[in-house]
């Protein structure tokens, strides 16, 4: 019984740690923005305004993400499979307009 209790405590600590990491990542996204992971192999996290989601070029990237991942994104949030440079160029253009 003592071993089982220790196992339950270890599992609870792990769940709390994962919840803490998840909550911290959500809290650093300002209201009106969304976090996305971008990259083909190495993925980098970006925070972009949700208004970008309506732009046709961004919707093309979302369509590619849907085709590749469906609703099962490997990073736990929206993952966009494109080169980081291409994403930065697109968001720079969207920011300028």
Protein backbone atom coordinates (compact mmCIF):
# COMPACT_ATOMS: atom_id res chain seq x y z
CA UNK A 1 0.00 0.00 0.00
CA UNK A 2 2.88 2.39 0.78
CA UNK A 3 4.45 1.85 -2.66
CA UNK A 4 1.11 2.49 -4.34
CA UNK A 5 0.69 5.74 -2.39
CA UNK A 6 4.16 6.91 -3.42
CA UNK A 7 3.31 6.14 -7.05
CA UNK A 8 0.09 8.17 -6.79
CA UNK A 9 1.98 11.10 -5.25
CA UNK A 10 4.59 10.98 -8.02
CA UNK A 11 1.85 10.98 -10.67
CA UNK A 12 0.08 13.89 -8.98
CA UNK A 13 3.31 15.91 -8.86
CA UNK A 14 3.90 15.25 -12.56
CA UNK A 15 0.36 16.36 -13.44
CA UNK A 16 0.75 19.54 -11.40
CA UNK A 17 4.05 20.29 -13.13
CA UNK A 18 2.51 19.80 -16.59
CA UNK A 19 -0.47 21.98 -15.63
CA UNK A 20 1.90 24.69 -14.39
CA UNK A 21 3.84 24.67 -17.67
CA UNK A 22 0.60 24.77 -19.69
CA UNK A 23 -0.84 27.64 -17.65
CA UNK A 24 2.39 29.63 -17.83
CA UNK A 25 2.47 29.28 -21.64
CA UNK A 26 -1.14 30.44 -21.92
CA UNK A 27 -0.63 33.43 -19.65
CA UNK A 28 2.12 34.96 -21.78
CA UNK A 29 -0.23 35.30 -24.75
CA UNK A 30 -1.88 38.74 -24.67
CA UNK A 31 -5.61 39.07 -25.17
CA UNK A 32 -6.44 39.17 -28.89
CA UNK A 33 -3.43 37.07 -29.85
CA UNK A 34 -2.70 33.41 -30.50
CA UNK A 35 0.45 31.34 -30.07
CA UNK A 36 1.55 29.24 -33.04
CA UNK A 37 4.52 27.00 -33.66
CA UNK A 38 6.19 27.47 -37.03
CA UNK A 39 8.76 25.39 -38.86
CA UNK A 40 9.20 22.28 -40.91
CA UNK A 41 11.60 20.41 -38.60
CA UNK A 42 12.70 22.72 -35.77
CA UNK A 43 9.63 24.62 -34.55
CA UNK A 44 9.68 28.09 -33.05
CA UNK A 45 6.84 29.70 -31.09
CA UNK A 46 5.32 32.97 -32.31
CA UNK A 47 2.51 35.06 -30.87
CA UNK A 48 0.41 36.78 -33.53
CA UNK A 49 -2.78 38.88 -33.50
CA UNK A 50 -5.93 36.86 -34.15
CA UNK A 51 -6.83 39.35 -36.90
CA UNK A 52 -4.18 37.62 -39.05
CA UNK A 53 -6.40 34.53 -39.12
CA UNK A 54 -8.80 36.28 -41.54
CA UNK A 55 -6.12 37.15 -44.11
CA UNK A 56 -6.16 34.89 -47.22
CA UNK A 57 -2.39 34.23 -47.07
CA UNK A 58 -2.62 33.18 -43.44
CA UNK A 59 -5.68 31.05 -44.21
CA UNK A 60 -3.59 29.24 -46.82
CA UNK A 61 -1.09 28.34 -44.08
CA UNK A 62 -3.96 27.18 -41.85
CA UNK A 63 -5.23 24.97 -44.67
CA UNK A 64 -1.76 23.41 -45.01
CA UNK A 65 -1.67 22.82 -41.25
CA UNK A 66 -5.08 21.15 -41.42
CA UNK A 67 -3.97 18.90 -44.27
CA UNK A 68 -0.80 17.85 -42.48
CA UNK A 69 -1.93 17.58 -38.85
CA UNK A 70 -5.73 17.66 -38.80
CA UNK A 71 -6.66 18.36 -35.19
CA UNK A 72 -3.67 16.49 -33.74
CA UNK A 73 -0.93 19.13 -33.53
CA UNK A 74 2.37 17.76 -32.21
CA UNK A 75 3.25 20.82 -30.12
CA UNK A 76 -0.09 20.90 -28.31
CA UNK A 77 -1.23 24.05 -30.07
CA UNK A 78 -1.53 25.30 -33.62
CA UNK A 79 1.50 24.17 -35.64
CA UNK A 80 2.13 25.69 -39.07
CA UNK A 81 4.34 23.63 -41.39
CA UNK A 82 6.25 26.29 -43.31
CA UNK A 83 9.70 27.80 -43.27
CA UNK A 84 10.27 30.26 -40.46
CA UNK A 85 11.57 32.92 -42.88
CA UNK A 86 8.42 32.68 -45.01
CA UNK A 87 6.23 33.06 -41.92
CA UNK A 88 8.20 36.08 -40.71
CA UNK A 89 7.89 37.70 -44.17
CA UNK A 90 4.14 37.10 -44.21
CA UNK A 91 3.54 38.45 -40.71
CA UNK A 92 5.74 41.48 -41.47
CA UNK A 93 3.59 42.24 -44.51
CA UNK A 94 0.40 41.78 -42.51
CA UNK A 95 1.72 44.03 -39.75
CA UNK A 96 2.61 46.77 -42.25
CA UNK A 97 -0.87 46.80 -43.79
